[in-house]
Amino acid sequence: MRVYEAMVKSSLLYGSETWRLTERFKSRLKAVEIDVLKRSSRTSRREHVPNEVIKKGMGVEDNISKDIERKQLVQAREAHGRLQATQKSSIVVTEYSQEKRKAQTRVGTYHP
């Protein structure tokens, strides 16, 4: 299970914040995840063990697409926060520049 978390899951999730999750892509990810779990548990496809039994036996609760959706939500929240911070700082800089320009014009040292 530790190998799955450290190697497989991290490899599958790399860069997933920017992926577009279509239904076809989700099903392909699920197939890869189940394949890895079956190989890790040394279960053959010929044994016809249901996927849920394998996931439960390996201690995996959510599928990989849920993890990707969570990562995308976190990324979106962070991007939104950065955007708001940038907008606030640009407003402050603009106000500061306008005040500085007015002060310099009053003194007579700067004429734009």
PDB file of N, CA and C in Angstrom:
ATOM      1  N   MET A   1       0.823  -1.193   0.000  1.00  0.00           N
ATOM      2  CA  MET A   1       0.000   0.000   0.000  1.00  0.00           C
ATOM      3  C   MET A   1       0.868   1.258   0.000  1.00  0.00           C
ATOM      4  N   ARG A   2       1.952   1.223   0.729  1.00  0.00           N
ATOM      5  CA  ARG A   2       2.838   2.386   0.762  1.00  0.00           C
ATOM      6  C   ARG A   2       3.465   2.643  -0.602  1.00  0.00           C
ATOM      7  N   VAL A   3       3.787   1.571  -1.300  1.00  0.00           N
ATOM      8  CA  VAL A   3       4.351   1.718  -2.640  1.00  0.00           C
ATOM      9  C   VAL A   3       3.315   2.345  -3.561  1.00  0.00           C
ATOM     10  N   TYR A   4       2.073   1.926  -3.421  1.00  0.00           N
ATOM     11  CA  TYR A   4       0.994   2.492  -4.237  1.00  0.00           C
ATOM     12  C   TYR A   4       0.868   3.989  -3.994  1.00  0.00           C
ATOM     13  N   GLU A   5       0.841   4.390  -2.726  1.00  0.00           N
ATOM     14  CA  GLU A   5       0.706   5.813  -2.393  1.00  0.00           C
ATOM     15  C   GLU A   5       1.916   6.612  -2.867  1.00  0.00           C
ATOM     16  N   ALA A   6       3.110   6.089  -2.617  1.00  0.00           N
ATOM     17  CA  ALA A   6       4.329   6.847  -2.894  1.00  0.00           C
ATOM     18  C   ALA A   6       4.688   6.887  -4.376  1.00  0.00           C
ATOM     19  N   MET A   7       4.574   5.781  -5.043  1.00  0.00           N
ATOM     20  CA  MET A   7       5.063   5.711  -6.418  1.00  0.00           C
ATOM     21  C   MET A   7       3.952   5.861  -7.457  1.00  0.00           C
ATOM     22  N   VAL A   8       2.949   5.033  -7.342  1.00  0.00           N
ATOM     23  CA  VAL A   8       1.932   4.968  -8.389  1.00  0.00           C
ATOM     24  C   VAL A   8       1.007   6.177  -8.337  1.00  0.00           C
ATOM     25  N   LYS A   9       0.449   6.426  -7.176  1.00  0.00           N
ATOM     26  CA  LYS A   9      -0.518   7.511  -7.060  1.00  0.00           C
ATOM     27  C   LYS A   9       0.131   8.865  -7.334  1.00  0.00           C
ATOM     28  N   SER A  10       1.330   9.074  -6.820  1.00  0.00           N
ATOM     29  CA  SER A  10       2.000  10.351  -7.068  1.00  0.00           C
ATOM     30  C   SER A  10       2.323  10.517  -8.551  1.00  0.00           C
ATOM     31  N   SER A  11       2.675   9.437  -9.227  1.00  0.00           N
ATOM     32  CA  SER A  11       2.941   9.518 -10.668  1.00  0.00           C
ATOM     33  C   SER A  11       1.667   9.809 -11.450  1.00  0.00           C
ATOM     34  N   LEU A  12       0.575   9.169 -11.042  1.00  0.00           N
ATOM     35  CA  LEU A  12      -0.693   9.399 -11.735  1.00  0.00           C
ATOM     36  C   LEU A  12      -1.223  10.811 -11.507  1.00  0.00           C
ATOM     37  N   LEU A  13      -0.951  11.376 -10.343  1.00  0.00           N
ATOM     38  CA  LEU A  13      -1.492  12.692 -10.010  1.00  0.00           C
ATOM     39  C   LEU A  13      -0.606  13.852 -10.456  1.00  0.00           C
ATOM     40  N   TYR A  14       0.594  13.570 -10.947  1.00  0.00           N
ATOM     41  CA  TYR A  14       1.518  14.641 -11.309  1.00  0.00           C
ATOM     42  C   TYR A  14       0.919  15.516 -12.413  1.00  0.00           C
ATOM     43  N   GLY A  15       0.779  16.791 -12.140  1.00  0.00           N
ATOM     44  CA  GLY A  15       0.257  17.735 -13.116  1.00  0.00           C
ATOM     45  C   GLY A  15      -1.241  17.675 -13.321  1.00  0.00           C
ATOM     46  N   SER A  16      -1.937  16.942 -12.468  1.00  0.00           N
ATOM     47  CA  SER A  16      -3.367  16.715 -12.682  1.00  0.00           C
ATOM     48  C   SER A  16      -4.227  17.949 -12.413  1.00  0.00           C
ATOM     49  N   GLU A  17      -3.645  18.990 -11.823  1.00  0.00           N
ATOM     50  CA  GLU A  17      -4.422  20.198 -11.548  1.00  0.00           C
ATOM     51  C   GLU A  17      -4.919  20.847 -12.830  1.00  0.00           C
ATOM     52  N   THR A  18      -4.215  20.618 -13.916  1.00  0.00           N
ATOM     53  CA  THR A  18      -4.552  21.288 -15.171  1.00  0.00           C
ATOM     54  C   THR A  18      -5.272  20.382 -16.163  1.00  0.00           C
ATOM     55  N   TRP A  19      -5.536  19.151 -15.799  1.00  0.00           N
ATOM     56  CA  TRP A  19      -6.189  18.223 -16.719  1.00  0.00           C
ATOM     57  C   TRP A  19      -7.671  18.518 -16.841  1.00  0.00           C
ATOM     58  N   ARG A  20      -8.206  18.231 -18.001  1.00  0.00           N
ATOM     59  CA  ARG A  20      -9.650  18.287 -18.199  1.00  0.00           C
ATOM     60  C   ARG A  20     -10.184  16.875 -18.020  1.00  0.00           C
ATOM     61  N   LEU A  21     -11.014  16.668 -17.017  1.00  0.00           N
ATOM     62  CA  LEU A  21     -11.501  15.330 -16.695  1.00  0.00           C
ATOM     63  C   LEU A  21     -12.778  15.012 -17.459  1.00  0.00           C
ATOM     64  N   THR A  22     -12.631  14.288 -18.531  1.00  0.00           N
ATOM     65  CA  THR A  22     -13.798  13.807 -19.258  1.00  0.00           C
ATOM     66  C   THR A  22     -14.171  12.434 -18.706  1.00  0.00           C
ATOM     67  N   GLU A  23     -15.335  11.960 -19.037  1.00  0.00           N
ATOM     68  CA  GLU A  23     -15.766  10.641 -18.560  1.00  0.00           C
ATOM     69  C   GLU A  23     -14.852   9.544 -19.097  1.00  0.00           C
ATOM     70  N   ARG A  24     -14.430   9.685 -20.340  1.00  0.00           N
ATOM     71  CA  ARG A  24     -13.533   8.683 -20.922  1.00  0.00           C
ATOM     72  C   ARG A  24     -12.194   8.661 -20.177  1.00  0.00           C
ATOM     73  N   PHE A  25     -11.675   9.841 -19.869  1.00  0.00           N
ATOM     74  CA  PHE A  25     -10.399   9.924 -19.162  1.00  0.00           C
ATOM     75  C   PHE A  25     -10.523   9.356 -17.750  1.00  0.00           C
ATOM     76  N   LYS A  26     -11.654   9.634 -17.087  1.00  0.00           N
ATOM     77  CA  LYS A  26     -11.883   9.079 -15.750  1.00  0.00           C
ATOM     78  C   LYS A  26     -11.914   7.557 -15.786  1.00  0.00           C
ATOM     79  N   SER A  27     -12.564   6.995 -16.794  1.00  0.00           N
ATOM     80  CA  SER A  27     -12.640   5.536 -16.871  1.00  0.00           C
ATOM     81  C   SER A  27     -11.264   4.931 -17.160  1.00  0.00           C
ATOM     82  N   ARG A  28     -10.454   5.614 -17.944  1.00  0.00           N
ATOM     83  CA  ARG A  28      -9.099   5.119 -18.212  1.00  0.00           C
ATOM     84  C   ARG A  28      -8.233   5.178 -16.954  1.00  0.00           C
ATOM     85  N   LEU A  29      -8.370   6.263 -16.188  1.00  0.00           N
ATOM     86  CA  LEU A  29      -7.634   6.362 -14.928  1.00  0.00           C
ATOM     87  C   LEU A  29      -8.057   5.269 -13.957  1.00  0.00           C
ATOM     88  N   LYS A  30      -9.350   5.018 -13.903  1.00  0.00           N
ATOM     89  CA  LYS A  30      -9.868   3.974 -13.020  1.00  0.00           C
ATOM     90  C   LYS A  30      -9.319   2.610 -13.434  1.00  0.00           C
ATOM     91  N   ALA A  31      -9.232   2.368 -14.740  1.00  0.00           N
ATOM     92  CA  ALA A  31      -8.702   1.097 -15.233  1.00  0.00           C
ATOM     93  C   ALA A  31      -7.233   0.928 -14.846  1.00  0.00           C
ATOM     94  N   VAL A  32      -6.462   2.005 -14.962  1.00  0.00           N
ATOM     95  CA  VAL A  32      -5.047   1.941 -14.579  1.00  0.00           C
ATOM     96  C   VAL A  32      -4.924   1.688 -13.081  1.00  0.00           C
ATOM     97  N   GLU A  33      -5.733   2.397 -12.314  1.00  0.00           N
ATOM     98  CA  GLU A  33      -5.686   2.237 -10.861  1.00  0.00           C
ATOM     99  C   GLU A  33      -6.024   0.799 -10.453  1.00  0.00           C
ATOM    100  N   ILE A  34      -7.081   0.250 -11.009  1.00  0.00           N
ATOM    101  CA  ILE A  34      -7.481  -1.120 -10.674  1.00  0.00           C
ATOM    102  C   ILE A  34      -6.416  -2.113 -11.133  1.00  0.00           C
ATOM    103  N   ASP A  35      -5.835  -1.874 -12.298  1.00  0.00           N
ATOM    104  CA  ASP A  35      -4.785  -2.761 -12.791  1.00  0.00           C
ATOM    105  C   ASP A  35      -3.601  -2.792 -11.829  1.00  0.00           C
ATOM    106  N   VAL A  36      -3.196  -1.617 -11.357  1.00  0.00           N
ATOM    107  CA  VAL A  36      -2.075  -1.544 -10.413  1.00  0.00           C
ATOM    108  C   VAL A  36      -2.434  -2.240  -9.104  1.00  0.00           C
ATOM    109  N   LEU A  37      -3.644  -2.016  -8.620  1.00  0.00           N
ATOM    110  CA  LEU A  37      -4.061  -2.651  -7.368  1.00  0.00           C
ATOM    111  C   LEU A  37      -4.138  -4.168  -7.515  1.00  0.00           C
ATOM    112  N   LYS A  38      -4.628  -4.651  -8.649  1.00  0.00           N
ATOM    113  CA  LYS A  38      -4.688  -6.103  -8.874  1.00  0.00           C
ATOM    114  C   LYS A  38      -3.288  -6.697  -8.930  1.00  0.00           C
ATOM    115  N   ARG A  39      -2.385  -6.013  -9.599  1.00  0.00           N
ATOM    116  CA  ARG A  39      -1.011  -6.512  -9.664  1.00  0.00           C
ATOM    117  C   ARG A  39      -0.354  -6.489  -8.289  1.00  0.00           C
ATOM    118  N   SER A  40      -0.626  -5.433  -7.522  1.00  0.00           N
ATOM    119  CA  SER A  40      -0.041  -5.326  -6.183  1.00  0.00           C
ATOM    120  C   SER A  40      -0.561  -6.410  -5.247  1.00  0.00           C
ATOM    121  N   SER A  41      -1.825  -6.757  -5.414  1.00  0.00           N
ATOM    122  CA  SER A  41      -2.404  -7.793  -4.555  1.00  0.00           C
ATOM    123  C   SER A  41      -2.192  -9.193  -5.126  1.00  0.00           C
ATOM    124  N   ARG A  42      -1.500  -9.257  -6.258  1.00  0.00           N
ATOM    125  CA  ARG A  42      -1.202 -10.527  -6.935  1.00  0.00           C
ATOM    126  C   ARG A  42      -2.479 -11.296  -7.277  1.00  0.00           C
ATOM    127  N   THR A  43      -3.455 -10.542  -7.757  1.00  0.00           N
ATOM    128  CA  THR A  43      -4.725 -11.131  -8.166  1.00  0.00           C
ATOM    129  C   THR A  43      -4.780 -11.153  -9.686  1.00  0.00           C
ATOM    130  N   SER A  44      -5.104 -12.297 -10.235  1.00  0.00           N
ATOM    131  CA  SER A  44      -5.189 -12.436 -11.682  1.00  0.00           C
ATOM    132  C   SER A  44      -6.573 -12.016 -12.168  1.00  0.00           C
ATOM    133  N   ARG A  45      -6.644 -11.577 -13.395  1.00  0.00           N
ATOM    134  CA  ARG A  45      -7.945 -11.249 -13.985  1.00  0.00           C
ATOM    135  C   ARG A  45      -8.796 -12.500 -14.140  1.00  0.00           C
ATOM    136  N   ARG A  46      -8.158 -13.614 -14.263  1.00  0.00           N
ATOM    137  CA  ARG A  46      -8.882 -14.882 -14.425  1.00  0.00           C
ATOM    138  C   ARG A  46      -9.652 -15.270 -13.167  1.00  0.00           C
ATOM    139  N   GLU A  47      -9.253 -14.706 -12.042  1.00  0.00           N
ATOM    140  CA  GLU A  47      -9.941 -15.021 -10.789  1.00  0.00           C
ATOM    141  C   GLU A  47     -11.274 -14.293 -10.672  1.00  0.00           C
ATOM    142  N   HIS A  48     -11.501 -13.285 -11.482  1.00  0.00           N
ATOM    143  CA  HIS A  48     -12.752 -12.517 -11.508  1.00  0.00           C
ATOM    144  C   HIS A  48     -13.140 -11.968 -10.133  1.00  0.00           C
ATOM    145  N   VAL A  49     -12.178 -11.357  -9.468  1.00  0.00           N
ATOM    146  CA  VAL A  49     -12.441 -10.717  -8.180  1.00  0.00           C
ATOM    147  C   VAL A  49     -12.964  -9.311  -8.468  1.00  0.00           C
ATOM    148  N   PRO A  50     -14.097  -8.921  -7.866  1.00  0.00           N
ATOM    149  CA  PRO A  50     -14.636  -7.578  -8.122  1.00  0.00           C
ATOM    150  C   PRO A  50     -13.662  -6.475  -7.693  1.00  0.00           C
ATOM    151  N   ASN A  51     -13.724  -5.375  -8.400  1.00  0.00           N
ATOM    152  CA  ASN A  51     -12.823  -4.252  -8.120  1.00  0.00           C
ATOM    153  C   ASN A  51     -12.977  -3.735  -6.696  1.00  0.00           C
ATOM    154  N   GLU A  52     -14.207  -3.672  -6.217  1.00  0.00           N
ATOM    155  CA  GLU A  52     -14.449  -3.158  -4.863  1.00  0.00           C
ATOM    156  C   GLU A  52     -13.796  -4.040  -3.803  1.00  0.00           C
ATOM    157  N   VAL A  53     -13.774  -5.338  -4.028  1.00  0.00           N
ATOM    158  CA  VAL A  53     -13.135  -6.253  -3.076  1.00  0.00           C
ATOM    159  C   VAL A  53     -11.628  -6.005  -3.052  1.00  0.00           C
ATOM    160  N   ILE A  54     -11.049  -5.797  -4.215  1.00  0.00           N
ATOM    161  CA  ILE A  54      -9.608  -5.537  -4.294  1.00  0.00           C
ATOM    162  C   ILE A  54      -9.276  -4.207  -3.627  1.00  0.00           C
ATOM    163  N   LYS A  55     -10.077  -3.176  -3.909  1.00  0.00           N
ATOM    164  CA  LYS A  55      -9.830  -1.864  -3.306  1.00  0.00           C
ATOM    165  C   LYS A  55      -9.950  -1.927  -1.789  1.00  0.00           C
ATOM    166  N   LYS A  56     -10.951  -2.642  -1.304  1.00  0.00           N
ATOM    167  CA  LYS A  56     -11.138  -2.770   0.139  1.00  0.00           C
ATOM    168  C   LYS A  56      -9.982  -3.549   0.760  1.00  0.00           C
ATOM    169  N   GLY A  57      -9.550  -4.603   0.093  1.00  0.00           N
ATOM    170  CA  GLY A  57      -8.437  -5.404   0.593  1.00  0.00           C
ATOM    171  C   GLY A  57      -7.125  -4.642   0.626  1.00  0.00           C
ATOM    172  N   MET A  58      -6.950  -3.722  -0.312  1.00  0.00           N
ATOM    173  CA  MET A  58      -5.725  -2.920  -0.363  1.00  0.00           C
ATOM    174  C   MET A  58      -5.826  -1.655   0.486  1.00  0.00           C
ATOM    175  N   GLY A  59      -7.015  -1.371   1.012  1.00  0.00           N
ATOM    176  CA  GLY A  59      -7.183  -0.198   1.870  1.00  0.00           C
ATOM    177  C   GLY A  59      -7.363   1.104   1.111  1.00  0.00           C
ATOM    178  N   VAL A  60      -7.844   1.034  -0.118  1.00  0.00           N
ATOM    179  CA  VAL A  60      -8.078   2.226  -0.932  1.00  0.00           C
ATOM    180  C   VAL A  60      -9.561   2.549  -0.870  1.00  0.00           C
ATOM    181  N   GLU A  61      -9.881   3.782  -0.470  1.00  0.00           N
ATOM    182  CA  GLU A  61     -11.287   4.156  -0.333  1.00  0.00           C
ATOM    183  C   GLU A  61     -11.804   4.904  -1.557  1.00  0.00           C
ATOM    184  N   ASP A  62     -11.135   5.977  -1.937  1.00  0.00           N
ATOM    185  CA  ASP A  62     -11.576   6.775  -3.079  1.00  0.00           C
ATOM    186  C   ASP A  62     -10.844   6.343  -4.336  1.00  0.00           C
ATOM    187  N   ASN A  63     -11.441   6.675  -5.472  1.00  0.00           N
ATOM    188  CA  ASN A  63     -10.724   6.410  -6.708  1.00  0.00           C
ATOM    189  C   ASN A  63      -9.871   7.620  -7.067  1.00  0.00           C
ATOM    190  N   ILE A  64      -9.019   7.442  -8.031  1.00  0.00           N
ATOM    191  CA  ILE A  64      -8.019   8.449  -8.375  1.00  0.00           C
ATOM    192  C   ILE A  64      -8.657   9.727  -8.926  1.00  0.00           C
ATOM    193  N   SER A  65      -9.799   9.612  -9.587  1.00  0.00           N
ATOM    194  CA  SER A  65     -10.434  10.810 -10.143  1.00  0.00           C
ATOM    195  C   SER A  65     -10.948  11.735  -9.036  1.00  0.00           C
ATOM    196  N   LYS A  66     -11.348  11.187  -7.900  1.00  0.00           N
ATOM    197  CA  LYS A  66     -11.757  12.029  -6.762  1.00  0.00           C
ATOM    198  C   LYS A  66     -10.563  12.818  -6.234  1.00  0.00           C
ATOM    199  N   ASP A  67      -9.399  12.170  -6.177  1.00  0.00           N
ATOM    200  CA  ASP A  67      -8.190  12.867  -5.736  1.00  0.00           C
ATOM    201  C   ASP A  67      -7.827  13.995  -6.696  1.00  0.00           C
ATOM    202  N   ILE A  68      -7.987  13.750  -7.983  1.00  0.00           N
ATOM    203  CA  ILE A  68      -7.688  14.779  -8.980  1.00  0.00           C
ATOM    204  C   ILE A  68      -8.649  15.951  -8.833  1.00  0.00           C
ATOM    205  N   GLU A  69      -9.927  15.659  -8.632  1.00  0.00           N
ATOM    206  CA  GLU A  69     -10.909  16.734  -8.454  1.00  0.00           C
ATOM    207  C   GLU A  69     -10.587  17.568  -7.219  1.00  0.00           C
ATOM    208  N   ARG A  70     -10.151  16.911  -6.135  1.00  0.00           N
ATOM    209  CA  ARG A  70      -9.757  17.646  -4.928  1.00  0.00           C
ATOM    210  C   ARG A  70      -8.566  18.553  -5.209  1.00  0.00           C
ATOM    211  N   LYS A  71      -7.563  18.017  -5.917  1.00  0.00           N
ATOM    212  CA  LYS A  71      -6.386  18.821  -6.242  1.00  0.00           C
ATOM    213  C   LYS A  71      -6.751  20.010  -7.125  1.00  0.00           C
ATOM    214  N   GLN A  72      -7.673  19.806  -8.051  1.00  0.00           N
ATOM    215  CA  GLN A  72      -8.085  20.895  -8.927  1.00  0.00           C
ATOM    216  C   GLN A  72      -8.824  21.980  -8.146  1.00  0.00           C
ATOM    217  N   LEU A  73      -9.632  21.571  -7.167  1.00  0.00           N
ATOM    218  CA  LEU A  73     -10.323  22.558  -6.340  1.00  0.00           C
ATOM    219  C   LEU A  73      -9.335  23.380  -5.520  1.00  0.00           C
ATOM    220  N   VAL A  74      -8.344  22.709  -4.948  1.00  0.00           N
ATOM    221  CA  VAL A  74      -7.325  23.418  -4.174  1.00  0.00           C
ATOM    222  C   VAL A  74      -6.575  24.392  -5.075  1.00  0.00           C
ATOM    223  N   GLN A  75      -6.210  23.942  -6.265  1.00  0.00           N
ATOM    224  CA  GLN A  75      -5.502  24.799  -7.219  1.00  0.00           C
ATOM    225  C   GLN A  75      -6.350  26.007  -7.597  1.00  0.00           C
ATOM    226  N   ALA A  76      -7.639  25.789  -7.815  1.00  0.00           N
ATOM    227  CA  ALA A  76      -8.528  26.894  -8.189  1.00  0.00           C
ATOM    228  C   ALA A  76      -8.651  27.902  -7.049  1.00  0.00           C
ATOM    229  N   ARG A  77      -8.758  27.407  -5.818  1.00  0.00           N
ATOM    230  CA  ARG A  77      -8.838  28.316  -4.667  1.00  0.00           C
ATOM    231  C   ARG A  77      -7.565  29.138  -4.530  1.00  0.00           C
ATOM    232  N   GLU A  78      -6.409  28.484  -4.698  1.00  0.00           N
ATOM    233  CA  GLU A  78      -5.138  29.202  -4.593  1.00  0.00           C
ATOM    234  C   GLU A  78      -5.009  30.246  -5.698  1.00  0.00           C
ATOM    235  N   ALA A  79      -5.406  29.890  -6.905  1.00  0.00           N
ATOM    236  CA  ALA A  79      -5.328  30.835  -8.020  1.00  0.00           C
ATOM    237  C   ALA A  79      -6.259  32.023  -7.779  1.00  0.00           C
ATOM    238  N   HIS A  80      -7.431  31.751  -7.249  1.00  0.00           N
ATOM    239  CA  HIS A  80      -8.377  32.827  -6.951  1.00  0.00           C
ATOM    240  C   HIS A  80      -7.800  33.754  -5.878  1.00  0.00           C
ATOM    241  N   GLY A  81      -7.175  33.173  -4.862  1.00  0.00           N
ATOM    242  CA  GLY A  81      -6.551  33.974  -3.808  1.00  0.00           C
ATOM    243  C   GLY A  81      -5.416  34.828  -4.344  1.00  0.00           C
ATOM    244  N   ARG A  82      -4.593  34.243  -5.240  1.00  0.00           N
ATOM    245  CA  ARG A  82      -3.494  35.011  -5.836  1.00  0.00           C
ATOM    246  C   ARG A  82      -4.031  36.140  -6.698  1.00  0.00           C
ATOM    247  N   LEU A  83      -5.113  35.885  -7.415  1.00  0.00           N
ATOM    248  CA  LEU A  83      -5.709  36.914  -8.262  1.00  0.00           C
ATOM    249  C   LEU A  83      -6.222  38.074  -7.413  1.00  0.00           C
ATOM    250  N   GLN A  84      -6.898  37.750  -6.321  1.00  0.00           N
ATOM    251  CA  GLN A  84      -7.398  38.805  -5.446  1.00  0.00           C
ATOM    252  C   GLN A  84      -6.251  39.598  -4.833  1.00  0.00           C
ATOM    253  N   ALA A  85      -5.194  38.918  -4.415  1.00  0.00           N
ATOM    254  CA  ALA A  85      -4.044  39.607  -3.830  1.00  0.00           C
ATOM    255  C   ALA A  85      -3.381  40.520  -4.857  1.00  0.00           C
ATOM    256  N   THR A  86      -3.280  40.058  -6.090  1.00  0.00           N
ATOM    257  CA  THR A  86      -2.684  40.865  -7.154  1.00  0.00           C
ATOM    258  C   THR A  86      -3.532  42.094  -7.432  1.00  0.00           C
ATOM    259  N   GLN A  87      -4.841  41.907  -7.469  1.00  0.00           N
ATOM    260  CA  GLN A  87      -5.724  43.041  -7.721  1.00  0.00           C
ATOM    261  C   GLN A  87      -5.631  44.059  -6.591  1.00  0.00           C
ATOM    262  N   LYS A  88      -5.576  43.594  -5.346  1.00  0.00           N
ATOM    263  CA  LYS A  88      -5.466  44.511  -4.211  1.00  0.00           C
ATOM    264  C   LYS A  88      -4.148  45.266  -4.255  1.00  0.00           C
ATOM    265  N   SER A  89      -3.054  44.555  -4.554  1.00  0.00           N
ATOM    266  CA  SER A  89      -1.753  45.220  -4.576  1.00  0.00           C
ATOM    267  C   SER A  89      -1.667  46.212  -5.731  1.00  0.00           C
ATOM    268  N   SER A  90      -2.297  45.916  -6.865  1.00  0.00           N
ATOM    269  CA  SER A  90      -2.253  46.866  -7.980  1.00  0.00           C
ATOM    270  C   SER A  90      -3.067  48.112  -7.653  1.00  0.00           C
ATOM    271  N   ILE A  91      -4.143  47.961  -6.901  1.00  0.00           N
ATOM    272  CA  ILE A  91      -4.927  49.125  -6.487  1.00  0.00           C
ATOM    273  C   ILE A  91      -4.103  50.000  -5.548  1.00  0.00           C
ATOM    274  N   VAL A  92      -3.409  49.371  -4.609  1.00  0.00           N
ATOM    275  CA  VAL A  92      -2.578  50.118  -3.666  1.00  0.00           C
ATOM    276  C   VAL A  92      -1.457  50.834  -4.404  1.00  0.00           C
ATOM    277  N   VAL A  93      -0.809  50.156  -5.342  1.00  0.00           N
ATOM    278  CA  VAL A  93       0.281  50.768  -6.104  1.00  0.00           C
ATOM    279  C   VAL A  93      -0.244  51.934  -6.925  1.00  0.00           C
ATOM    280  N   THR A  94      -1.401  51.760  -7.545  1.00  0.00           N
ATOM    281  CA  THR A  94      -1.986  52.837  -8.343  1.00  0.00           C
ATOM    282  C   THR A  94      -2.306  54.043  -7.470  1.00  0.00           C
ATOM    283  N   GLU A  95      -2.913  53.799  -6.311  1.00  0.00           N
ATOM    284  CA  GLU A  95      -3.237  54.900  -5.404  1.00  0.00           C
ATOM    285  C   GLU A  95      -1.966  55.592  -4.923  1.00  0.00           C
ATOM    286  N   TYR A  96      -0.939  54.802  -4.603  1.00  0.00           N
ATOM    287  CA  TYR A  96       0.325  55.369  -4.149  1.00  0.00           C
ATOM    288  C   TYR A  96       0.956  56.212  -5.251  1.00  0.00           C
ATOM    289  N   SER A  97       0.931  55.699  -6.485  1.00  0.00           N
ATOM    290  CA  SER A  97       1.519  56.428  -7.611  1.00  0.00           C
ATOM    291  C   SER A  97       0.787  57.738  -7.857  1.00  0.00           C
ATOM    292  N   GLN A  98      -0.532  57.705  -7.765  1.00  0.00           N
ATOM    293  CA  GLN A  98      -1.303  58.925  -7.981  1.00  0.00           C
ATOM    294  C   GLN A  98      -1.020  59.950  -6.886  1.00  0.00           C
ATOM    295  N   GLU A  99      -0.935  59.498  -5.634  1.00  0.00           N
ATOM    296  CA  GLU A  99      -0.631  60.415  -4.533  1.00  0.00           C
ATOM    297  C   GLU A  99       0.774  60.992  -4.685  1.00  0.00           C
ATOM    298  N   LYS A 100       1.716  60.157  -5.071  1.00  0.00           N
ATOM    299  CA  LYS A 100       3.095  60.605  -5.242  1.00  0.00           C
ATOM    300  C   LYS A 100       3.176  61.627  -6.373  1.00  0.00           C
ATOM    301  N   ARG A 101       2.450  61.369  -7.450  1.00  0.00           N
ATOM    302  CA  ARG A 101       2.449  62.279  -8.588  1.00  0.00           C
ATOM    303  C   ARG A 101       1.868  63.634  -8.185  1.00  0.00           C
ATOM    304  N   LYS A 102       0.789  63.620  -7.401  1.00  0.00           N
ATOM    305  CA  LYS A 102       0.186  64.872  -6.938  1.00  0.00           C
ATOM    306  C   LYS A 102       1.157  65.636  -6.048  1.00  0.00           C
ATOM    307  N   ALA A 103       1.831  64.921  -5.156  1.00  0.00           N
ATOM    308  CA  ALA A 103       2.773  65.572  -4.244  1.00  0.00           C
ATOM    309  C   ALA A 103       3.937  66.175  -5.015  1.00  0.00           C
ATOM    310  N   GLN A 104       4.444  65.474  -6.005  1.00  0.00           N
ATOM    311  CA  GLN A 104       5.566  65.984  -6.780  1.00  0.00           C
ATOM    312  C   GLN A 104       5.144  67.169  -7.636  1.00  0.00           C
ATOM    313  N   THR A 105       3.919  67.158  -8.119  1.00  0.00           N
ATOM    314  CA  THR A 105       3.430  68.266  -8.927  1.00  0.00           C
ATOM    315  C   THR A 105       3.295  69.515  -8.073  1.00  0.00           C
ATOM    316  N   ARG A 106       2.858  69.345  -6.837  1.00  0.00           N
ATOM    317  CA  ARG A 106       2.718  70.488  -5.936  1.00  0.00           C
ATOM    318  C   ARG A 106       4.066  71.128  -5.650  1.00  0.00           C
ATOM    319  N   VAL A 107       5.080  70.310  -5.456  1.00  0.00           N
ATOM    320  CA  VAL A 107       6.404  70.830  -5.142  1.00  0.00           C
ATOM    321  C   VAL A 107       7.019  71.469  -6.375  1.00  0.00           C
ATOM    322  N   GLY A 108       6.683  70.948  -7.533  1.00  0.00           N
ATOM    323  CA  GLY A 108       7.190  71.516  -8.762  1.00  0.00           C
ATOM    324  C   GLY A 108       8.435  70.828  -9.277  1.00  0.00           C
ATOM    325  N   THR A 109       8.761  69.650  -8.747  1.00  0.00           N
ATOM    326  CA  THR A 109       9.964  68.959  -9.195  1.00  0.00           C
ATOM    327  C   THR A 109       9.683  67.970 -10.310  1.00  0.00           C
ATOM    328  N   TYR A 110       8.447  67.640 -10.525  1.00  0.00           N
ATOM    329  CA  TYR A 110       8.128  66.609 -11.505  1.00  0.00           C
ATOM    330  C   TYR A 110       6.929  67.049 -12.319  1.00  0.00           C
ATOM    331  N   HIS A 111       7.068  67.053 -13.652  1.00  0.00           N
ATOM    332  CA  HIS A 111       5.959  67.411 -14.534  1.00  0.00           C
ATOM    333  C   HIS A 111       5.819  66.339 -15.598  1.00  0.00           C
ATOM    334  N   PRO A 112       4.800  65.483 -15.480  1.00  0.00           N
ATOM    335  CA  PRO A 112       4.644  64.418 -16.491  1.00  0.00           C
ATOM    336  C   PRO A 112       4.140  64.930 -17.820  1.00  0.00           C
TER     337      PRO A 112
END
